[in-house]
Amino acid sequence: MYSRKKPIGSSKKIQKKKEELKNFLRENGMKEDRWGNLKDETGETRFKFSSTSLRFEKKRGKNDWVRIRSGYYSKIEIRDGRIHGMEF
């Protein structure tokens, strides 16, 4: 018999971390788009939430985004009013 596995990123710990990060970014002026990503007021930078990691991206051209930093939720923390644990 096959065992049912939980979908990636479904743990309560990851969901809690995602919500904590989203709330922190909203408090600092980021707005959520229709896909659940958070963008700044100009729309030139965004935080993209995936099932296991967070990416910070900058817009290049009309619809192209370039990854600047990223990190797994397990390694990311909010400290001193900043997000730590994301790497180049």
N, C-alpha and C. Protein backbone atom coordinates (compact mmCIF):
# COMPACT_ATOMS: atom_id res chain seq x y z
N MET A 1 0.82 -1.18 0.00
CA MET A 1 0.00 0.00 0.00
C MET A 1 0.87 1.25 0.00
N TYR A 2 0.37 2.26 -0.63
CA TYR A 2 1.05 3.54 -0.66
C TYR A 2 0.60 4.39 0.52
N SER A 3 1.55 5.07 1.11
CA SER A 3 1.18 5.97 2.20
C SER A 3 0.96 7.36 1.63
N ARG A 4 0.00 8.06 2.18
CA ARG A 4 -0.27 9.42 1.72
C ARG A 4 0.74 10.35 2.35
N LYS A 5 1.37 11.14 1.52
CA LYS A 5 2.34 12.12 2.03
C LYS A 5 1.68 13.48 2.05
N LYS A 6 2.11 14.28 2.99
CA LYS A 6 1.62 15.66 3.05
C LYS A 6 2.25 16.44 1.90
N PRO A 7 1.52 17.39 1.32
CA PRO A 7 2.11 18.24 0.30
C PRO A 7 3.26 19.06 0.88
N ILE A 8 4.25 19.36 0.05
CA ILE A 8 5.38 20.16 0.49
C ILE A 8 4.88 21.52 0.97
N GLY A 9 5.42 21.97 2.07
CA GLY A 9 5.05 23.28 2.60
C GLY A 9 3.75 23.32 3.36
N SER A 10 3.24 22.16 3.72
CA SER A 10 1.94 22.15 4.39
C SER A 10 2.07 22.10 5.92
N SER A 11 3.27 22.02 6.43
CA SER A 11 3.42 21.92 7.88
C SER A 11 2.96 23.21 8.55
N LYS A 12 2.48 23.07 9.75
CA LYS A 12 1.98 24.23 10.50
C LYS A 12 3.10 25.23 10.78
N LYS A 13 4.31 24.72 10.97
CA LYS A 13 5.45 25.58 11.24
C LYS A 13 5.74 26.50 10.04
N ILE A 14 5.71 25.93 8.84
CA ILE A 14 5.97 26.71 7.63
C ILE A 14 4.84 27.71 7.40
N GLN A 15 3.60 27.28 7.57
CA GLN A 15 2.46 28.19 7.39
C GLN A 15 2.52 29.36 8.37
N LYS A 16 2.91 29.07 9.60
CA LYS A 16 3.04 30.12 10.61
C LYS A 16 4.14 31.11 10.22
N LYS A 17 5.27 30.59 9.74
CA LYS A 17 6.38 31.45 9.33
C LYS A 17 5.98 32.33 8.14
N LYS A 18 5.26 31.76 7.17
CA LYS A 18 4.79 32.53 6.01
C LYS A 18 3.89 33.67 6.45
N GLU A 19 2.96 33.39 7.34
CA GLU A 19 2.04 34.42 7.83
C GLU A 19 2.79 35.50 8.61
N GLU A 20 3.75 35.09 9.40
CA GLU A 20 4.57 36.04 10.16
C GLU A 20 5.32 36.97 9.20
N LEU A 21 5.91 36.41 8.14
CA LEU A 21 6.64 37.22 7.16
C LEU A 21 5.69 38.14 6.39
N LYS A 22 4.54 37.62 5.98
CA LYS A 22 3.58 38.45 5.24
C LYS A 22 3.10 39.61 6.09
N ASN A 23 2.79 39.35 7.36
CA ASN A 23 2.34 40.43 8.25
C ASN A 23 3.43 41.48 8.44
N PHE A 24 4.68 41.03 8.60
CA PHE A 24 5.79 41.96 8.76
C PHE A 24 5.95 42.84 7.52
N LEU A 25 5.87 42.24 6.33
CA LEU A 25 6.03 42.99 5.09
C LEU A 25 4.86 43.94 4.85
N ARG A 26 3.65 43.51 5.18
CA ARG A 26 2.48 44.40 5.05
C ARG A 26 2.62 45.61 5.96
N GLU A 27 3.10 45.38 7.18
CA GLU A 27 3.30 46.49 8.12
C GLU A 27 4.34 47.48 7.61
N ASN A 28 5.22 47.03 6.73
CA ASN A 28 6.27 47.88 6.18
C ASN A 28 5.94 48.37 4.78
N GLY A 29 4.64 48.41 4.43
CA GLY A 29 4.21 49.07 3.21
C GLY A 29 4.07 48.21 1.96
N MET A 30 4.26 46.92 2.05
CA MET A 30 4.12 46.06 0.88
C MET A 30 2.64 45.72 0.68
N LYS A 31 2.23 45.57 -0.57
CA LYS A 31 0.84 45.25 -0.92
C LYS A 31 0.78 43.90 -1.62
N GLU A 32 -0.23 43.11 -1.27
CA GLU A 32 -0.39 41.77 -1.85
C GLU A 32 -1.03 41.86 -3.23
N ASP A 33 -0.47 41.11 -4.20
CA ASP A 33 -1.07 41.05 -5.53
C ASP A 33 -2.01 39.85 -5.61
N ARG A 34 -2.58 39.63 -6.78
CA ARG A 34 -3.60 38.57 -6.89
C ARG A 34 -3.04 37.16 -6.79
N TRP A 35 -1.71 37.00 -6.86
CA TRP A 35 -1.08 35.69 -6.74
C TRP A 35 -0.53 35.43 -5.33
N GLY A 36 -0.69 36.39 -4.43
CA GLY A 36 -0.21 36.21 -3.06
C GLY A 36 1.20 36.72 -2.82
N ASN A 37 1.83 37.30 -3.85
CA ASN A 37 3.15 37.91 -3.67
C ASN A 37 2.97 39.30 -3.09
N LEU A 38 4.00 39.81 -2.45
CA LEU A 38 3.93 41.16 -1.89
C LEU A 38 4.86 42.09 -2.66
N LYS A 39 4.32 43.20 -3.15
CA LYS A 39 5.08 44.16 -3.95
C LYS A 39 5.16 45.49 -3.22
N ASP A 40 6.21 46.27 -3.55
CA ASP A 40 6.30 47.62 -2.99
C ASP A 40 5.36 48.55 -3.75
N GLU A 41 5.32 49.80 -3.35
CA GLU A 41 4.38 50.76 -3.95
C GLU A 41 4.64 50.98 -5.43
N THR A 42 5.89 50.94 -5.86
CA THR A 42 6.23 51.18 -7.26
C THR A 42 6.02 49.96 -8.14
N GLY A 43 5.95 48.77 -7.54
CA GLY A 43 5.81 47.54 -8.30
C GLY A 43 7.12 47.04 -8.88
N GLU A 44 8.24 47.63 -8.44
CA GLU A 44 9.56 47.27 -8.97
C GLU A 44 10.24 46.15 -8.19
N THR A 45 9.83 45.92 -6.96
CA THR A 45 10.39 44.83 -6.17
C THR A 45 9.26 44.02 -5.56
N ARG A 46 9.51 42.72 -5.34
CA ARG A 46 8.49 41.88 -4.73
C ARG A 46 9.13 40.76 -3.91
N PHE A 47 8.34 40.24 -3.00
CA PHE A 47 8.68 39.04 -2.25
C PHE A 47 7.75 37.95 -2.76
N LYS A 48 8.32 36.89 -3.28
CA LYS A 48 7.54 35.80 -3.85
C LYS A 48 7.57 34.61 -2.88
N PHE A 49 6.38 34.16 -2.49
CA PHE A 49 6.24 33.07 -1.53
C PHE A 49 5.99 31.77 -2.27
N SER A 50 6.89 30.79 -2.10
CA SER A 50 6.66 29.46 -2.66
C SER A 50 6.36 28.51 -1.50
N SER A 51 6.23 27.23 -1.78
CA SER A 51 5.85 26.28 -0.73
C SER A 51 6.93 26.09 0.32
N THR A 52 8.21 26.24 -0.04
CA THR A 52 9.30 26.00 0.91
C THR A 52 10.23 27.18 1.11
N SER A 53 10.13 28.20 0.25
CA SER A 53 11.10 29.28 0.33
C SER A 53 10.50 30.64 -0.03
N LEU A 54 11.25 31.68 0.30
CA LEU A 54 10.87 33.06 0.01
C LEU A 54 11.93 33.65 -0.90
N ARG A 55 11.50 34.35 -1.95
CA ARG A 55 12.44 35.00 -2.87
C ARG A 55 12.20 36.50 -2.89
N PHE A 56 13.29 37.26 -2.90
CA PHE A 56 13.22 38.70 -3.09
C PHE A 56 13.65 38.95 -4.52
N GLU A 57 12.79 39.61 -5.32
CA GLU A 57 13.06 39.81 -6.75
C GLU A 57 12.89 41.27 -7.14
N LYS A 58 13.61 41.65 -8.20
CA LYS A 58 13.47 42.99 -8.79
C LYS A 58 12.99 42.83 -10.22
N LYS A 59 12.17 43.79 -10.64
CA LYS A 59 11.62 43.76 -11.98
C LYS A 59 12.66 44.17 -13.01
N ARG A 60 12.69 43.44 -14.12
CA ARG A 60 13.59 43.77 -15.22
C ARG A 60 12.77 43.68 -16.49
N GLY A 61 12.51 44.80 -17.10
CA GLY A 61 11.65 44.80 -18.27
C GLY A 61 10.18 44.82 -17.87
N LYS A 62 9.32 44.45 -18.82
CA LYS A 62 7.89 44.52 -18.57
C LYS A 62 7.39 43.41 -17.65
N ASN A 63 7.75 42.16 -17.95
CA ASN A 63 7.23 41.04 -17.17
C ASN A 63 8.31 40.12 -16.62
N ASP A 64 9.56 40.54 -16.65
CA ASP A 64 10.65 39.70 -16.18
C ASP A 64 11.05 40.08 -14.76
N TRP A 65 11.32 39.08 -13.94
CA TRP A 65 11.76 39.28 -12.57
C TRP A 65 13.09 38.56 -12.37
N VAL A 66 14.00 39.20 -11.63
CA VAL A 66 15.32 38.63 -11.35
C VAL A 66 15.44 38.40 -9.85
N ARG A 67 15.86 37.19 -9.49
CA ARG A 67 16.04 36.86 -8.07
C ARG A 67 17.27 37.58 -7.53
N ILE A 68 17.09 38.29 -6.42
CA ILE A 68 18.19 38.97 -5.75
C ILE A 68 18.67 38.15 -4.55
N ARG A 69 17.74 37.70 -3.75
CA ARG A 69 18.03 36.87 -2.57
C ARG A 69 16.92 35.85 -2.39
N SER A 70 17.25 34.75 -1.73
CA SER A 70 16.23 33.75 -1.41
C SER A 70 16.66 32.97 -0.18
N GLY A 71 15.70 32.29 0.41
CA GLY A 71 16.01 31.47 1.58
C GLY A 71 14.84 30.57 1.94
N TYR A 72 15.18 29.44 2.58
CA TYR A 72 14.16 28.52 3.07
C TYR A 72 13.53 29.09 4.33
N TYR A 73 12.24 28.85 4.50
CA TYR A 73 11.54 29.36 5.67
C TYR A 73 12.19 28.92 6.97
N SER A 74 12.76 27.72 6.98
CA SER A 74 13.39 27.20 8.20
C SER A 74 14.62 28.02 8.61
N LYS A 75 15.22 28.75 7.67
CA LYS A 75 16.43 29.52 7.97
C LYS A 75 16.17 31.02 8.07
N ILE A 76 14.96 31.46 7.75
CA ILE A 76 14.63 32.88 7.76
C ILE A 76 14.08 33.28 9.12
N GLU A 77 14.49 34.47 9.58
CA GLU A 77 13.95 35.02 10.82
C GLU A 77 13.88 36.54 10.72
N ILE A 78 12.98 37.12 11.50
CA ILE A 78 12.85 38.57 11.59
C ILE A 78 13.56 38.99 12.86
N ARG A 79 14.58 39.83 12.69
CA ARG A 79 15.38 40.28 13.83
C ARG A 79 15.78 41.73 13.59
N ASP A 80 15.67 42.56 14.60
CA ASP A 80 16.06 43.98 14.51
C ASP A 80 15.31 44.70 13.39
N GLY A 81 14.06 44.33 13.15
CA GLY A 81 13.27 44.99 12.12
C GLY A 81 13.68 44.66 10.70
N ARG A 82 14.41 43.55 10.51
CA ARG A 82 14.86 43.14 9.18
C ARG A 82 14.70 41.63 9.02
N ILE A 83 14.67 41.19 7.78
CA ILE A 83 14.59 39.76 7.49
C ILE A 83 16.00 39.23 7.32
N HIS A 84 16.35 38.23 8.12
CA HIS A 84 17.67 37.61 8.06
C HIS A 84 17.56 36.17 7.58
N GLY A 85 18.60 35.66 6.94
CA GLY A 85 18.65 34.27 6.51
C GLY A 85 18.48 34.07 5.02
N MET A 86 18.33 35.15 4.28
CA MET A 86 18.23 35.02 2.81
C MET A 86 19.63 35.22 2.23
N GLU A 87 19.96 34.41 1.21
CA GLU A 87 21.28 34.46 0.60
C GLU A 87 21.20 34.86 -0.85
N PHE A 88 22.33 35.25 -1.41
CA PHE A 88 22.42 35.64 -2.83
C PHE A 88 22.27 34.45 -3.73
